[in-house]
């Protein structure tokens, strides 16, 4: 039997059966402090897929950081086939400062595939592509809601790729969205390399939300089982995820203070009351009605809104029964 090769990241060799934590230099801050990209590599003794799991591309989306931390503590990784490359904090600068962006307000997830010239975001994107993506066969990127919004646990993926669809279903999130590729996003850059990738959304920024953290961790483990990286396990069959036909935001029809009438994960009928929008004095009260039937996969937590602000993110499906089965599972957990 041929001996498995070591994997080389950032000039460091990690041998079969080894685990290593690496610091990939990004740039120095103006304090002369080095800013590094932290990477943990679990290089199994046996051949298999090479999966990257990344979090905090947006520095304030911290649920993924906790998911990666818990993933690396699992005893299952002792018998790993293939390689796990975990990057718990991609946007180190944003994470330290509790903000979404990089120093010049660049969105890292609109800066891929990056280059060795240009902005700091471009440098970091290029480093990630060269040292992480180029070594991998599959990827999972972890996100949360932003700007006072919270998301129902969901997978966003390109379902016209059968391998992506297989892994999206295996992940086991309540909702799968056949989401278009965003220009210059990590997902676009990875897919263009021919590498199947999932994007997981769940919870809100700057908070640890236990429900999406649990689903995210279980989902990654399920994908690793599907890929044959860890042993299969007999378990009860989960409810089939809803594959959304489409999604749209329901926006405020006036400025004021929002009193929501529907929780995250609930199914609404067309013209159902979703919220009241009231002025601070209480003289004017406007009803916000659902424009179509769907399940609430995202909502604004901040009750102070201007006309046109996005309040509820609705996803549609083939049948109401599909929506209600998922909603019942979510709201009773």
C-alpha atoms as a PDB file:
ATOM      1  CA  UNK A   1       0.000   0.000   0.000  1.00  0.00           C
ATOM      2  CA  UNK A   2       1.342   3.418  -0.982  1.00  0.00           C
ATOM      3  CA  UNK A   3       2.014   5.746   1.902  1.00  0.00           C
ATOM      4  CA  UNK A   4      -0.163   8.830   1.963  1.00  0.00           C
ATOM      5  CA  UNK A   5       1.556  12.116   1.156  1.00  0.00           C
ATOM      6  CA  UNK A   6       1.904  14.993   3.597  1.00  0.00           C
ATOM      7  CA  UNK A   7      -0.063  18.177   2.944  1.00  0.00           C
ATOM      8  CA  UNK A   8       1.767  21.494   2.689  1.00  0.00           C
ATOM      9  CA  UNK A   9       0.114  24.735   3.792  1.00  0.00           C
ATOM     10  CA  UNK A  10       1.992  27.977   4.330  1.00  0.00           C
ATOM     11  CA  UNK A  11       5.294  26.191   3.836  1.00  0.00           C
ATOM     12  CA  UNK A  12       4.529  23.749   6.677  1.00  0.00           C
ATOM     13  CA  UNK A  13       4.255  20.015   6.056  1.00  0.00           C
ATOM     14  CA  UNK A  14       1.587  18.137   7.995  1.00  0.00           C
ATOM     15  CA  UNK A  15       2.175  14.396   7.880  1.00  0.00           C
ATOM     16  CA  UNK A  16      -0.487  11.670   7.721  1.00  0.00           C
ATOM     17  CA  UNK A  17      -2.042  11.159  11.163  1.00  0.00           C
ATOM     18  CA  UNK A  18      -0.928  14.588  12.411  1.00  0.00           C
ATOM     19  CA  UNK A  19      -2.811  17.671  13.560  1.00  0.00           C
ATOM     20  CA  UNK A  20      -1.288  21.108  13.355  1.00  0.00           C
ATOM     21  CA  UNK A  21      -2.253  24.721  14.004  1.00  0.00           C
ATOM     22  CA  UNK A  22      -0.711  27.109  11.494  1.00  0.00           C
ATOM     23  CA  UNK A  23      -0.545  30.907  11.353  1.00  0.00           C
ATOM     24  CA  UNK A  24      -0.480  32.248   7.798  1.00  0.00           C
ATOM     25  CA  UNK A  25       0.873  35.831   7.692  1.00  0.00           C
ATOM     26  CA  UNK A  26      -1.588  38.353   6.223  1.00  0.00           C
ATOM     27  CA  UNK A  27      -0.042  41.756   6.960  1.00  0.00           C
ATOM     28  CA  UNK A  28       1.292  43.863   9.787  1.00  0.00           C
ATOM     29  CA  UNK A  29      -0.977  46.370  11.468  1.00  0.00           C
ATOM     30  CA  UNK A  30       0.330  49.914  11.884  1.00  0.00           C
ATOM     31  CA  UNK A  31       1.206  48.952  15.474  1.00  0.00           C
ATOM     32  CA  UNK A  32       3.852  46.570  14.024  1.00  0.00           C
ATOM     33  CA  UNK A  33       1.654  43.688  15.220  1.00  0.00           C
ATOM     34  CA  UNK A  34       1.475  40.707  12.872  1.00  0.00           C
ATOM     35  CA  UNK A  35      -2.002  39.753  11.640  1.00  0.00           C
ATOM     36  CA  UNK A  36      -2.216  36.035  10.828  1.00  0.00           C
ATOM     37  CA  UNK A  37      -4.836  33.703   9.418  1.00  0.00           C
ATOM     38  CA  UNK A  38      -5.316  30.839  11.934  1.00  0.00           C
ATOM     39  CA  UNK A  39      -5.651  27.424  10.284  1.00  0.00           C
ATOM     40  CA  UNK A  40      -6.045  24.024  11.953  1.00  0.00           C
ATOM     41  CA  UNK A  41      -5.251  20.952   9.850  1.00  0.00           C
ATOM     42  CA  UNK A  42      -6.324  17.393  10.647  1.00  0.00           C
ATOM     43  CA  UNK A  43      -4.515  15.185   8.126  1.00  0.00           C
ATOM     44  CA  UNK A  44      -5.882  11.638   8.327  1.00  0.00           C
ATOM     45  CA  UNK A  45      -3.746   8.551   7.873  1.00  0.00           C
ATOM     46  CA  UNK A  46      -5.915   7.322   4.987  1.00  0.00           C
ATOM     47  CA  UNK A  47      -6.732   9.000   1.702  1.00  0.00           C
ATOM     48  CA  UNK A  48     -10.040  10.777   1.274  1.00  0.00           C
ATOM     49  CA  UNK A  49     -11.601  14.141   0.486  1.00  0.00           C
ATOM     50  CA  UNK A  50      -9.992  17.386   1.609  1.00  0.00           C
ATOM     51  CA  UNK A  51     -12.682  19.578   3.175  1.00  0.00           C
ATOM     52  CA  UNK A  52     -12.302  23.179   4.274  1.00  0.00           C
ATOM     53  CA  UNK A  53     -14.673  24.628   6.865  1.00  0.00           C
ATOM     54  CA  UNK A  54     -14.428  28.405   7.216  1.00  0.00           C
ATOM     55  CA  UNK A  55     -16.113  30.966   9.457  1.00  0.00           C
ATOM     56  CA  UNK A  56     -16.130  34.711  10.161  1.00  0.00           C
ATOM     57  CA  UNK A  57     -15.442  35.888   6.620  1.00  0.00           C
ATOM     58  CA  UNK A  58     -17.629  38.650   8.019  1.00  0.00           C
ATOM     59  CA  UNK A  59     -15.930  39.493  11.289  1.00  0.00           C
ATOM     60  CA  UNK A  60     -19.128  39.949  13.327  1.00  0.00           C
ATOM     61  CA  UNK A  61     -20.660  36.582  12.340  1.00  0.00           C
ATOM     62  CA  UNK A  62     -19.400  34.508  15.242  1.00  0.00           C
ATOM     63  CA  UNK A  63     -21.711  31.472  15.361  1.00  0.00           C
ATOM     64  CA  UNK A  64     -19.450  29.747  12.848  1.00  0.00           C
ATOM     65  CA  UNK A  65     -16.421  30.308  15.077  1.00  0.00           C
ATOM     66  CA  UNK A  66     -18.095  28.284  17.827  1.00  0.00           C
ATOM     67  CA  UNK A  67     -19.184  25.601  15.347  1.00  0.00           C
ATOM     68  CA  UNK A  68     -15.578  25.146  14.192  1.00  0.00           C
ATOM     69  CA  UNK A  69     -14.326  25.058  17.792  1.00  0.00           C
ATOM     70  CA  UNK A  70     -16.751  22.265  18.658  1.00  0.00           C
ATOM     71  CA  UNK A  71     -15.966  20.417  15.430  1.00  0.00           C
ATOM     72  CA  UNK A  72     -12.259  20.283  16.252  1.00  0.00           C
ATOM     73  CA  UNK A  73     -12.996  18.767  19.672  1.00  0.00           C
ATOM     74  CA  UNK A  74     -14.889  15.765  18.271  1.00  0.00           C
ATOM     75  CA  UNK A  75     -13.315  12.356  18.941  1.00  0.00           C
ATOM     76  CA  UNK A  76     -14.577  11.235  15.530  1.00  0.00           C
ATOM     77  CA  UNK A  77     -11.645  13.044  13.937  1.00  0.00           C
ATOM     78  CA  UNK A  78      -9.200  10.456  15.319  1.00  0.00           C
ATOM     79  CA  UNK A  79     -10.205   8.050  12.531  1.00  0.00           C
ATOM     80  CA  UNK A  80     -10.518  10.657   9.789  1.00  0.00           C
ATOM     81  CA  UNK A  81     -10.148   9.598   6.159  1.00  0.00           C
ATOM     82  CA  UNK A  82      -8.859  12.501   4.145  1.00  0.00           C
ATOM     83  CA  UNK A  83      -8.147  15.956   5.522  1.00  0.00           C
ATOM     84  CA  UNK A  84     -10.072  18.617   7.397  1.00  0.00           C
ATOM     85  CA  UNK A  85      -8.806  22.195   7.052  1.00  0.00           C
ATOM     86  CA  UNK A  86     -10.588  24.422   9.577  1.00  0.00           C
ATOM     87  CA  UNK A  87     -10.358  28.201   9.460  1.00  0.00           C
ATOM     88  CA  UNK A  88     -12.393  29.522  12.399  1.00  0.00           C
ATOM     89  CA  UNK A  89     -11.687  33.229  11.806  1.00  0.00           C
ATOM     90  CA  UNK A  90     -11.001  34.343   8.247  1.00  0.00           C
ATOM     91  CA  UNK A  91     -11.538  38.079   8.775  1.00  0.00           C
ATOM     92  CA  UNK A  92      -9.287  38.447  11.814  1.00  0.00           C
ATOM     93  CA  UNK A  93      -9.365  42.250  11.720  1.00  0.00           C
ATOM     94  CA  UNK A  94     -13.175  42.369  11.674  1.00  0.00           C
ATOM     95  CA  UNK A  95     -13.424  39.762  14.406  1.00  0.00           C
ATOM     96  CA  UNK A  96     -11.129  41.722  16.729  1.00  0.00           C
ATOM     97  CA  UNK A  97     -13.065  44.935  16.150  1.00  0.00           C
ATOM     98  CA  UNK A  98     -16.496  43.217  16.162  1.00  0.00           C
ATOM     99  CA  UNK A  99     -17.315  44.553  12.715  1.00  0.00           C
ATOM    100  CA  UNK A 100     -18.319  42.985   9.401  1.00  0.00           C
ATOM    101  CA  UNK A 101     -15.654  44.546   7.199  1.00  0.00           C
ATOM    102  CA  UNK A 102     -11.912  45.009   6.782  1.00  0.00           C
ATOM    103  CA  UNK A 103     -10.106  48.305   7.591  1.00  0.00           C
ATOM    104  CA  UNK A 104     -11.171  50.172   4.450  1.00  0.00           C
ATOM    105  CA  UNK A 105     -14.764  48.899   4.793  1.00  0.00           C
ATOM    106  CA  UNK A 106     -14.178  46.290   2.109  1.00  0.00           C
ATOM    107  CA  UNK A 107     -16.453  43.255   2.227  1.00  0.00           C
ATOM    108  CA  UNK A 108     -14.119  40.255   2.083  1.00  0.00           C
ATOM    109  CA  UNK A 109     -16.921  38.150   0.609  1.00  0.00           C
ATOM    110  CA  UNK A 110     -17.008  40.479  -2.407  1.00  0.00           C
ATOM    111  CA  UNK A 111     -13.232  40.423  -2.921  1.00  0.00           C
ATOM    112  CA  UNK A 112     -12.555  36.910  -4.285  1.00  0.00           C
ATOM    113  CA  UNK A 113     -10.553  35.467  -5.912  1.00  0.00           C
ATOM    114  CA  UNK A 114      -8.321  38.353  -4.872  1.00  0.00           C
ATOM    115  CA  UNK A 115      -4.856  39.351  -6.020  1.00  0.00           C
ATOM    116  CA  UNK A 116      -1.383  40.032  -4.683  1.00  0.00           C
ATOM    117  CA  UNK A 117      -1.940  43.746  -5.270  1.00  0.00           C
ATOM    118  CA  UNK A 118      -4.748  46.065  -4.293  1.00  0.00           C
ATOM    119  CA  UNK A 119      -6.643  46.226  -1.001  1.00  0.00           C
ATOM    120  CA  UNK A 120      -6.022  44.202   2.146  1.00  0.00           C
ATOM    121  CA  UNK A 121      -9.249  42.325   1.372  1.00  0.00           C
ATOM    122  CA  UNK A 122      -7.850  41.364  -2.021  1.00  0.00           C
ATOM    123  CA  UNK A 123      -4.588  40.129  -0.447  1.00  0.00           C
ATOM    124  CA  UNK A 124      -6.459  38.045   2.135  1.00  0.00           C
ATOM    125  CA  UNK A 125      -8.797  36.579  -0.495  1.00  0.00           C
ATOM    126  CA  UNK A 126      -5.827  35.555  -2.653  1.00  0.00           C
ATOM    127  CA  UNK A 127      -4.065  33.991   0.337  1.00  0.00           C
ATOM    128  CA  UNK A 128      -7.191  31.973   1.136  1.00  0.00           C
ATOM    129  CA  UNK A 129      -7.543  30.774  -2.460  1.00  0.00           C
ATOM    130  CA  UNK A 130      -3.864  29.813  -2.807  1.00  0.00           C
ATOM    131  CA  UNK A 131      -3.264  28.190   0.579  1.00  0.00           C
ATOM    132  CA  UNK A 132      -6.681  26.718   1.389  1.00  0.00           C
ATOM    133  CA  UNK A 133      -9.016  26.333  -1.602  1.00  0.00           C
ATOM    134  CA  UNK A 134      -6.279  25.095  -3.946  1.00  0.00           C
ATOM    135  CA  UNK A 135      -5.638  22.135  -1.604  1.00  0.00           C
ATOM    136  CA  UNK A 136      -9.312  21.110  -1.190  1.00  0.00           C
ATOM    137  CA  UNK A 137     -11.925  18.959  -2.899  1.00  0.00           C
ATOM    138  CA  UNK A 138     -14.963  20.318  -0.995  1.00  0.00           C
ATOM    139  CA  UNK A 139     -15.878  23.346   1.134  1.00  0.00           C
ATOM    140  CA  UNK A 140     -18.359  24.632   3.713  1.00  0.00           C
ATOM    141  CA  UNK A 141     -18.539  28.325   4.637  1.00  0.00           C
ATOM    142  CA  UNK A 142     -20.407  29.407   7.794  1.00  0.00           C
ATOM    143  CA  UNK A 143     -22.392  32.642   8.095  1.00  0.00           C
ATOM    144  CA  UNK A 144     -24.991  34.407  10.278  1.00  0.00           C
ATOM    145  CA  UNK A 145     -27.485  37.205   9.759  1.00  0.00           C
ATOM    146  CA  UNK A 146     -26.105  40.744   9.748  1.00  0.00           C
ATOM    147  CA  UNK A 147     -27.234  44.248  10.631  1.00  0.00           C
ATOM    148  CA  UNK A 148     -29.682  43.279  13.420  1.00  0.00           C
ATOM    149  CA  UNK A 149     -31.127  40.368  11.429  1.00  0.00           C
ATOM    150  CA  UNK A 150     -31.358  36.708  12.374  1.00  0.00           C
ATOM    151  CA  UNK A 151     -31.562  33.790   9.958  1.00  0.00           C
ATOM    152  CA  UNK A 152     -33.265  30.430  10.214  1.00  0.00           C
ATOM    153  CA  UNK A 153     -30.654  27.672   9.780  1.00  0.00           C
ATOM    154  CA  UNK A 154     -30.412  27.196   6.013  1.00  0.00           C
ATOM    155  CA  UNK A 155     -28.120  26.018   3.257  1.00  0.00           C
ATOM    156  CA  UNK A 156     -27.453  28.176   0.217  1.00  0.00           C
ATOM    157  CA  UNK A 157     -26.083  26.203  -2.688  1.00  0.00           C
ATOM    158  CA  UNK A 158     -25.933  25.783  -6.463  1.00  0.00           C
ATOM    159  CA  UNK A 159     -28.293  22.856  -6.888  1.00  0.00           C
ATOM    160  CA  UNK A 160     -27.709  22.331 -10.606  1.00  0.00           C
ATOM    161  CA  UNK A 161     -24.519  20.532  -9.520  1.00  0.00           C
ATOM    162  CA  UNK A 162     -25.579  16.999  -8.415  1.00  0.00           C
ATOM    163  CA  UNK A 163     -22.700  16.721  -5.937  1.00  0.00           C
ATOM    164  CA  UNK A 164     -23.620  20.017  -4.305  1.00  0.00           C
ATOM    165  CA  UNK A 165     -27.273  18.959  -4.118  1.00  0.00           C
ATOM    166  CA  UNK A 166     -26.314  15.613  -2.551  1.00  0.00           C
ATOM    167  CA  UNK A 167     -24.271  17.309   0.158  1.00  0.00           C
ATOM    168  CA  UNK A 168     -26.882  20.035   0.731  1.00  0.00           C
ATOM    169  CA  UNK A 169     -29.523  17.404   1.471  1.00  0.00           C
ATOM    170  CA  UNK A 170     -27.075  15.440   3.638  1.00  0.00           C
ATOM    171  CA  UNK A 171     -26.353  18.550   5.733  1.00  0.00           C
ATOM    172  CA  UNK A 172     -29.906  18.432   7.105  1.00  0.00           C
ATOM    173  CA  UNK A 173     -30.692  22.135   7.566  1.00  0.00           C
ATOM    174  CA  UNK A 174     -34.441  22.881   7.584  1.00  0.00           C
ATOM    175  CA  UNK A 175     -34.328  24.893   4.341  1.00  0.00           C
ATOM    176  CA  UNK A 176     -32.179  24.683   1.205  1.00  0.00           C
ATOM    177  CA  UNK A 177     -32.063  27.714  -1.068  1.00  0.00           C
ATOM    178  CA  UNK A 178     -30.942  27.334  -4.664  1.00  0.00           C
ATOM    179  CA  UNK A 179     -29.086  30.619  -4.413  1.00  0.00           C
ATOM    180  CA  UNK A 180     -27.491  32.453  -7.302  1.00  0.00           C
ATOM    181  CA  UNK A 181     -23.766  33.081  -7.105  1.00  0.00           C
ATOM    182  CA  UNK A 182     -22.795  36.523  -5.835  1.00  0.00           C
ATOM    183  CA  UNK A 183     -20.122  38.311  -7.844  1.00  0.00           C
ATOM    184  CA  UNK A 184     -16.667  38.020  -6.260  1.00  0.00           C
ATOM    185  CA  UNK A 185     -17.924  35.902  -3.357  1.00  0.00           C
ATOM    186  CA  UNK A 186     -15.957  32.982  -1.951  1.00  0.00           C
ATOM    187  CA  UNK A 187     -18.675  30.604  -3.153  1.00  0.00           C
ATOM    188  CA  UNK A 188     -18.418  31.897  -6.719  1.00  0.00           C
ATOM    189  CA  UNK A 189     -14.614  31.618  -6.704  1.00  0.00           C
ATOM    190  CA  UNK A 190     -14.698  28.079  -5.292  1.00  0.00           C
ATOM    191  CA  UNK A 191     -17.446  26.859  -7.643  1.00  0.00           C
ATOM    192  CA  UNK A 192     -15.517  28.283 -10.621  1.00  0.00           C
ATOM    193  CA  UNK A 193     -12.629  26.038  -9.550  1.00  0.00           C
ATOM    194  CA  UNK A 194     -14.966  23.042  -9.892  1.00  0.00           C
ATOM    195  CA  UNK A 195     -15.071  22.462  -6.124  1.00  0.00           C
ATOM    196  CA  UNK A 196     -18.484  21.643  -4.575  1.00  0.00           C
ATOM    197  CA  UNK A 197     -19.287  24.057  -1.749  1.00  0.00           C
ATOM    198  CA  UNK A 198     -22.105  24.774   0.681  1.00  0.00           C
ATOM    199  CA  UNK A 199     -22.875  28.021   2.482  1.00  0.00           C
ATOM    200  CA  UNK A 200     -24.594  27.666   5.871  1.00  0.00           C
ATOM    201  CA  UNK A 201     -26.567  30.561   7.366  1.00  0.00           C
ATOM    202  CA  UNK A 202     -27.919  30.579  10.894  1.00  0.00           C
ATOM    203  CA  UNK A 203     -28.536  32.952  13.797  1.00  0.00           C
ATOM    204  CA  UNK A 204     -27.462  36.574  14.179  1.00  0.00           C
ATOM    205  CA  UNK A 205     -24.211  38.507  14.306  1.00  0.00           C
ATOM    206  CA  UNK A 206     -22.268  39.097  17.544  1.00  0.00           C
ATOM    207  CA  UNK A 207     -24.267  36.402  19.374  1.00  0.00           C
ATOM    208  CA  UNK A 208     -23.898  32.697  20.062  1.00  0.00           C
ATOM    209  CA  UNK A 209     -27.255  31.148  19.107  1.00  0.00           C
ATOM    210  CA  UNK A 210     -27.366  27.547  20.338  1.00  0.00           C
ATOM    211  CA  UNK A 211     -29.964  26.230  17.885  1.00  0.00           C
ATOM    212  CA  UNK A 212     -28.094  27.177  14.665  1.00  0.00           C
ATOM    213  CA  UNK A 213     -24.763  26.226  16.249  1.00  0.00           C
ATOM    214  CA  UNK A 214     -26.100  22.734  16.980  1.00  0.00           C
ATOM    215  CA  UNK A 215     -27.592  22.346  13.498  1.00  0.00           C
ATOM    216  CA  UNK A 216     -24.408  23.656  11.884  1.00  0.00           C
ATOM    217  CA  UNK A 217     -22.191  21.204  13.762  1.00  0.00           C
ATOM    218  CA  UNK A 218     -24.475  18.243  13.064  1.00  0.00           C
ATOM    219  CA  UNK A 219     -24.669  19.300   9.428  1.00  0.00           C
ATOM    220  CA  UNK A 220     -20.897  19.352   8.932  1.00  0.00           C
ATOM    221  CA  UNK A 221     -20.588  15.936  10.565  1.00  0.00           C
ATOM    222  CA  UNK A 222     -23.367  14.607   8.300  1.00  0.00           C
ATOM    223  CA  UNK A 223     -21.573  15.941   5.219  1.00  0.00           C
ATOM    224  CA  UNK A 224     -18.321  14.326   6.371  1.00  0.00           C
ATOM    225  CA  UNK A 225     -20.172  11.018   6.790  1.00  0.00           C
ATOM    226  CA  UNK A 226     -21.684  11.412   3.302  1.00  0.00           C
ATOM    227  CA  UNK A 227     -18.186  11.986   1.898  1.00  0.00           C
ATOM    228  CA  UNK A 228     -16.832   8.915   3.691  1.00  0.00           C
ATOM    229  CA  UNK A 229     -14.455  10.939   5.847  1.00  0.00           C
ATOM    230  CA  UNK A 230     -15.882   9.491   9.062  1.00  0.00           C
ATOM    231  CA  UNK A 231     -17.939   6.293   9.579  1.00  0.00           C
ATOM    232  CA  UNK A 232     -21.623   6.224   8.731  1.00  0.00           C
ATOM    233  CA  UNK A 233     -23.998   6.039  11.657  1.00  0.00           C
ATOM    234  CA  UNK A 234     -27.449   4.497  11.858  1.00  0.00           C
ATOM    235  CA  UNK A 235     -29.852   7.186  12.868  1.00  0.00           C
ATOM    236  CA  UNK A 236     -33.463   8.194  12.506  1.00  0.00           C
ATOM    237  CA  UNK A 237     -34.234   9.698   9.150  1.00  0.00           C
ATOM    238  CA  UNK A 238     -34.605  13.448   9.394  1.00  0.00           C
ATOM    239  CA  UNK A 239     -37.515  15.297   7.853  1.00  0.00           C
ATOM    240  CA  UNK A 240     -36.657  16.074   4.243  1.00  0.00           C
ATOM    241  CA  UNK A 241     -35.433  19.690   4.003  1.00  0.00           C
ATOM    242  CA  UNK A 242     -37.586  22.161   2.119  1.00  0.00           C
ATOM    243  CA  UNK A 243     -35.966  23.201  -1.154  1.00  0.00           C
ATOM    244  CA  UNK A 244     -37.107  26.767  -1.625  1.00  0.00           C
ATOM    245  CA  UNK A 245     -38.500  27.779  -5.007  1.00  0.00           C
ATOM    246  CA  UNK A 246     -37.592  31.377  -4.317  1.00  0.00           C
ATOM    247  CA  UNK A 247     -37.102  33.982  -1.597  1.00  0.00           C
ATOM    248  CA  UNK A 248     -38.078  37.623  -1.158  1.00  0.00           C
ATOM    249  CA  UNK A 249     -37.860  40.242   1.565  1.00  0.00           C
ATOM    250  CA  UNK A 250     -41.042  41.837   2.896  1.00  0.00           C
ATOM    251  CA  UNK A 251     -40.298  45.517   3.488  1.00  0.00           C
ATOM    252  CA  UNK A 252     -41.732  48.133   5.817  1.00  0.00           C
ATOM    253  CA  UNK A 253     -44.620  50.008   4.226  1.00  0.00           C
ATOM    254  CA  UNK A 254     -43.991  52.997   6.522  1.00  0.00           C
ATOM    255  CA  UNK A 255     -41.497  54.242   9.105  1.00  0.00           C
ATOM    256  CA  UNK A 256     -42.098  53.543  12.762  1.00  0.00           C
ATOM    257  CA  UNK A 257     -41.815  50.951  15.543  1.00  0.00           C
ATOM    258  CA  UNK A 258     -42.375  47.311  14.564  1.00  0.00           C
ATOM    259  CA  UNK A 259     -44.425  44.876  16.629  1.00  0.00           C
ATOM    260  CA  UNK A 260     -43.960  41.474  14.968  1.00  0.00           C
ATOM    261  CA  UNK A 261     -46.823  38.974  14.837  1.00  0.00           C
ATOM    262  CA  UNK A 262     -44.907  35.993  13.371  1.00  0.00           C
ATOM    263  CA  UNK A 263     -41.796  34.269  14.751  1.00  0.00           C
ATOM    264  CA  UNK A 264     -38.810  32.997  12.786  1.00  0.00           C
ATOM    265  CA  UNK A 265     -39.643  29.639  11.206  1.00  0.00           C
ATOM    266  CA  UNK A 266     -43.387  30.196  11.013  1.00  0.00           C
ATOM    267  CA  UNK A 267     -45.494  29.634   7.890  1.00  0.00           C
ATOM    268  CA  UNK A 268     -47.637  32.549   6.735  1.00  0.00           C
ATOM    269  CA  UNK A 269     -50.525  32.642   4.273  1.00  0.00           C
ATOM    270  CA  UNK A 270     -50.977  35.348   1.671  1.00  0.00           C
ATOM    271  CA  UNK A 271     -52.420  38.495   3.293  1.00  0.00           C
ATOM    272  CA  UNK A 272     -51.740  37.163   6.818  1.00  0.00           C
ATOM    273  CA  UNK A 273     -50.808  39.810   9.378  1.00  0.00           C
ATOM    274  CA  UNK A 274     -47.027  39.824   9.868  1.00  0.00           C
ATOM    275  CA  UNK A 275     -46.505  42.965  11.923  1.00  0.00           C
ATOM    276  CA  UNK A 276     -47.894  46.286  13.085  1.00  0.00           C
ATOM    277  CA  UNK A 277     -45.855  49.417  12.393  1.00  0.00           C
ATOM    278  CA  UNK A 278     -46.735  52.162  14.869  1.00  0.00           C
ATOM    279  CA  UNK A 279     -45.519  55.725  15.299  1.00  0.00           C
ATOM    280  CA  UNK A 280     -43.926  56.586  18.695  1.00  0.00           C
ATOM    281  CA  UNK A 281     -46.955  58.622  19.764  1.00  0.00           C
ATOM    282  CA  UNK A 282     -49.308  55.775  18.972  1.00  0.00           C
ATOM    283  CA  UNK A 283     -51.701  57.714  16.758  1.00  0.00           C
ATOM    284  CA  UNK A 284     -50.964  55.822  13.538  1.00  0.00           C
ATOM    285  CA  UNK A 285     -50.948  52.017  13.239  1.00  0.00           C
ATOM    286  CA  UNK A 286     -50.228  50.302   9.919  1.00  0.00           C
ATOM    287  CA  UNK A 287     -50.668  46.585   9.258  1.00  0.00           C
ATOM    288  CA  UNK A 288     -47.975  44.717   7.300  1.00  0.00           C
ATOM    289  CA  UNK A 289     -49.482  41.771   5.398  1.00  0.00           C
ATOM    290  CA  UNK A 290     -47.720  38.816   3.777  1.00  0.00           C
ATOM    291  CA  UNK A 291     -47.570  39.337  -0.001  1.00  0.00           C
ATOM    292  CA  UNK A 292     -47.461  35.567  -0.618  1.00  0.00           C
ATOM    293  CA  UNK A 293     -47.402  32.235   1.225  1.00  0.00           C
ATOM    294  CA  UNK A 294     -44.060  31.166   2.636  1.00  0.00           C
ATOM    295  CA  UNK A 295     -41.870  30.328   5.623  1.00  0.00           C
ATOM    296  CA  UNK A 296     -40.029  33.039   7.547  1.00  0.00           C
ATOM    297  CA  UNK A 297     -36.315  32.298   7.073  1.00  0.00           C
ATOM    298  CA  UNK A 298     -35.000  35.657   8.257  1.00  0.00           C
ATOM    299  CA  UNK A 299     -36.240  38.641  10.230  1.00  0.00           C
ATOM    300  CA  UNK A 300     -35.163  41.988  11.595  1.00  0.00           C
ATOM    301  CA  UNK A 301     -34.644  42.073  15.379  1.00  0.00           C
ATOM    302  CA  UNK A 302     -34.400  45.857  15.634  1.00  0.00           C
ATOM    303  CA  UNK A 303     -37.916  47.313  16.067  1.00  0.00           C
ATOM    304  CA  UNK A 304     -36.996  50.765  14.705  1.00  0.00           C
ATOM    305  CA  UNK A 305     -37.470  50.998  10.941  1.00  0.00           C
ATOM    306  CA  UNK A 306     -37.707  53.378   8.023  1.00  0.00           C
ATOM    307  CA  UNK A 307     -40.040  52.863   5.102  1.00  0.00           C
ATOM    308  CA  UNK A 308     -38.496  50.298   2.752  1.00  0.00           C
ATOM    309  CA  UNK A 309     -36.386  48.509   5.391  1.00  0.00           C
ATOM    310  CA  UNK A 310     -36.273  44.711   4.982  1.00  0.00           C
ATOM    311  CA  UNK A 311     -38.266  43.118   7.835  1.00  0.00           C
ATOM    312  CA  UNK A 312     -39.035  39.495   6.966  1.00  0.00           C
ATOM    313  CA  UNK A 313     -37.327  37.105   4.543  1.00  0.00           C
ATOM    314  CA  UNK A 314     -39.855  34.653   3.085  1.00  0.00           C
ATOM    315  CA  UNK A 315     -39.113  31.432   1.191  1.00  0.00           C
ATOM    316  CA  UNK A 316     -41.649  29.615  -0.955  1.00  0.00           C
ATOM    317  CA  UNK A 317     -41.875  25.874  -1.659  1.00  0.00           C
ATOM    318  CA  UNK A 318     -43.781  23.424  -3.847  1.00  0.00           C
ATOM    319  CA  UNK A 319     -46.454  22.744  -1.240  1.00  0.00           C
ATOM    320  CA  UNK A 320     -47.787  24.175   1.995  1.00  0.00           C
ATOM    321  CA  UNK A 321     -47.454  20.739   3.604  1.00  0.00           C
ATOM    322  CA  UNK A 322     -43.691  20.844   3.085  1.00  0.00           C
ATOM    323  CA  UNK A 323     -43.529  24.240   4.751  1.00  0.00           C
ATOM    324  CA  UNK A 324     -45.707  23.206   7.696  1.00  0.00           C
ATOM    325  CA  UNK A 325     -43.701  20.027   8.393  1.00  0.00           C
ATOM    326  CA  UNK A 326     -40.490  22.009   8.625  1.00  0.00           C
ATOM    327  CA  UNK A 327     -42.127  24.795  10.633  1.00  0.00           C
ATOM    328  CA  UNK A 328     -43.590  22.316  13.150  1.00  0.00           C
ATOM    329  CA  UNK A 329     -40.151  20.733  13.595  1.00  0.00           C
ATOM    330  CA  UNK A 330     -38.486  24.141  14.122  1.00  0.00           C
ATOM    331  CA  UNK A 331     -41.065  25.684  16.467  1.00  0.00           C
ATOM    332  CA  UNK A 332     -41.292  22.599  18.712  1.00  0.00           C
ATOM    333  CA  UNK A 333     -37.519  22.179  19.164  1.00  0.00           C
END
